[in-house]
Amino acid sequence: MKYKCPICERDIDEFAGLAHAKAEEYIIELIKKDHPDWAKGDKACKKCIDYYRKLVKENEI
């Protein structure tokens, strides 16, 4: 079974859902740490999102 992630809007397999949600939440925390005025409902460009995802992946955070 798959569902659409409310953050990245990708179709996610239910099996990986929890890990995906936690990773996305952590990315949001990193963005807010660097940009305290940013809110979850605000838009972010693909370049910025990719930067934070890469940061998490490379550092195995």
C-alpha atoms as a PDB file:
ATOM      1  CA  MET A   1       0.000   0.000   0.000  1.00  0.00           C
ATOM      2  CA  LYS A   2       1.237   3.515  -0.801  1.00  0.00           C
ATOM      3  CA  TYR A   3       0.319   6.978   0.422  1.00  0.00           C
ATOM      4  CA  LYS A   4       1.264  10.518  -0.616  1.00  0.00           C
ATOM      5  CA  CYS A   5       3.670  12.270   1.741  1.00  0.00           C
ATOM      6  CA  PRO A   6       2.143  15.596   2.823  1.00  0.00           C
ATOM      7  CA  ILE A   7       5.602  17.197   2.928  1.00  0.00           C
ATOM      8  CA  CYS A   8       7.314  16.119  -0.286  1.00  0.00           C
ATOM      9  CA  GLU A   9       4.201  14.855  -2.091  1.00  0.00           C
ATOM     10  CA  ARG A  10       5.951  11.651  -3.203  1.00  0.00           C
ATOM     11  CA  ASP A  11       4.203   8.280  -3.175  1.00  0.00           C
ATOM     12  CA  ILE A  12       5.680   6.334  -0.250  1.00  0.00           C
ATOM     13  CA  ASP A  13       5.459   2.623   0.412  1.00  0.00           C
ATOM     14  CA  GLU A  14       3.691   2.013   3.728  1.00  0.00           C
ATOM     15  CA  PHE A  15       6.620  -0.209   4.845  1.00  0.00           C
ATOM     16  CA  ALA A  16       9.038   2.750   4.651  1.00  0.00           C
ATOM     17  CA  GLY A  17       6.523   5.325   5.850  1.00  0.00           C
ATOM     18  CA  LEU A  18       7.796   5.853   9.396  1.00  0.00           C
ATOM     19  CA  ALA A  19      11.442   6.185   8.367  1.00  0.00           C
ATOM     20  CA  HIS A  20      10.459   8.590   5.601  1.00  0.00           C
ATOM     21  CA  ALA A  21       8.359  10.727   7.936  1.00  0.00           C
ATOM     22  CA  LYS A  22      11.146  10.928  10.523  1.00  0.00           C
ATOM     23  CA  ALA A  23      13.711  11.905   7.875  1.00  0.00           C
ATOM     24  CA  GLU A  24      11.429  14.630   6.516  1.00  0.00           C
ATOM     25  CA  GLU A  25      10.768  15.938  10.053  1.00  0.00           C
ATOM     26  CA  TYR A  26      14.504  16.081  10.701  1.00  0.00           C
ATOM     27  CA  ILE A  27      15.061  17.994   7.457  1.00  0.00           C
ATOM     28  CA  ILE A  28      12.437  20.512   8.578  1.00  0.00           C
ATOM     29  CA  GLU A  29      14.240  20.880  11.933  1.00  0.00           C
ATOM     30  CA  LEU A  30      17.549  21.545  10.139  1.00  0.00           C
ATOM     31  CA  ILE A  31      15.962  24.183   7.912  1.00  0.00           C
ATOM     32  CA  LYS A  32      14.344  25.896  10.907  1.00  0.00           C
ATOM     33  CA  LYS A  33      17.639  25.861  12.799  1.00  0.00           C
ATOM     34  CA  ASP A  34      19.367  27.714   9.950  1.00  0.00           C
ATOM     35  CA  HIS A  35      16.312  29.849   9.081  1.00  0.00           C
ATOM     36  CA  PRO A  36      14.217  30.426  12.244  1.00  0.00           C
ATOM     37  CA  ASP A  37      11.626  32.555  10.443  1.00  0.00           C
ATOM     38  CA  TRP A  38      10.785  29.721   8.025  1.00  0.00           C
ATOM     39  CA  ALA A  39       7.533  27.861   8.789  1.00  0.00           C
ATOM     40  CA  LYS A  40       6.543  24.346   7.748  1.00  0.00           C
ATOM     41  CA  GLY A  41       3.766  25.695   5.521  1.00  0.00           C
ATOM     42  CA  ASP A  42       6.168  28.021   3.697  1.00  0.00           C
ATOM     43  CA  LYS A  43       7.496  26.990   0.331  1.00  0.00           C
ATOM     44  CA  ALA A  44      11.130  26.064  -0.202  1.00  0.00           C
ATOM     45  CA  CYS A  45      12.940  25.772  -3.507  1.00  0.00           C
ATOM     46  CA  LYS A  46      14.077  22.395  -4.803  1.00  0.00           C
ATOM     47  CA  LYS A  47      17.741  23.432  -4.515  1.00  0.00           C
ATOM     48  CA  CYS A  48      17.371  24.103  -0.776  1.00  0.00           C
ATOM     49  CA  ILE A  49      15.410  20.902  -0.098  1.00  0.00           C
ATOM     50  CA  ASP A  50      17.977  18.884  -2.064  1.00  0.00           C
ATOM     51  CA  TYR A  51      20.779  20.503  -0.035  1.00  0.00           C
ATOM     52  CA  TYR A  52      19.252  19.438   3.280  1.00  0.00           C
ATOM     53  CA  ARG A  53      18.406  15.941   2.033  1.00  0.00           C
ATOM     54  CA  LYS A  54      21.992  15.543   0.818  1.00  0.00           C
ATOM     55  CA  LEU A  55      23.288  16.793   4.164  1.00  0.00           C
ATOM     56  CA  VAL A  56      21.229  14.177   6.002  1.00  0.00           C
ATOM     57  CA  LYS A  57      22.214  11.380   3.617  1.00  0.00           C
ATOM     58  CA  GLU A  58      25.951  12.164   3.563  1.00  0.00           C
ATOM     59  CA  ASN A  59      26.160  12.442   7.330  1.00  0.00           C
ATOM     60  CA  GLU A  60      23.839   9.502   7.971  1.00  0.00           C
ATOM     61  CA  ILE A  61      21.834  11.710  10.300  1.00  0.00           C
END
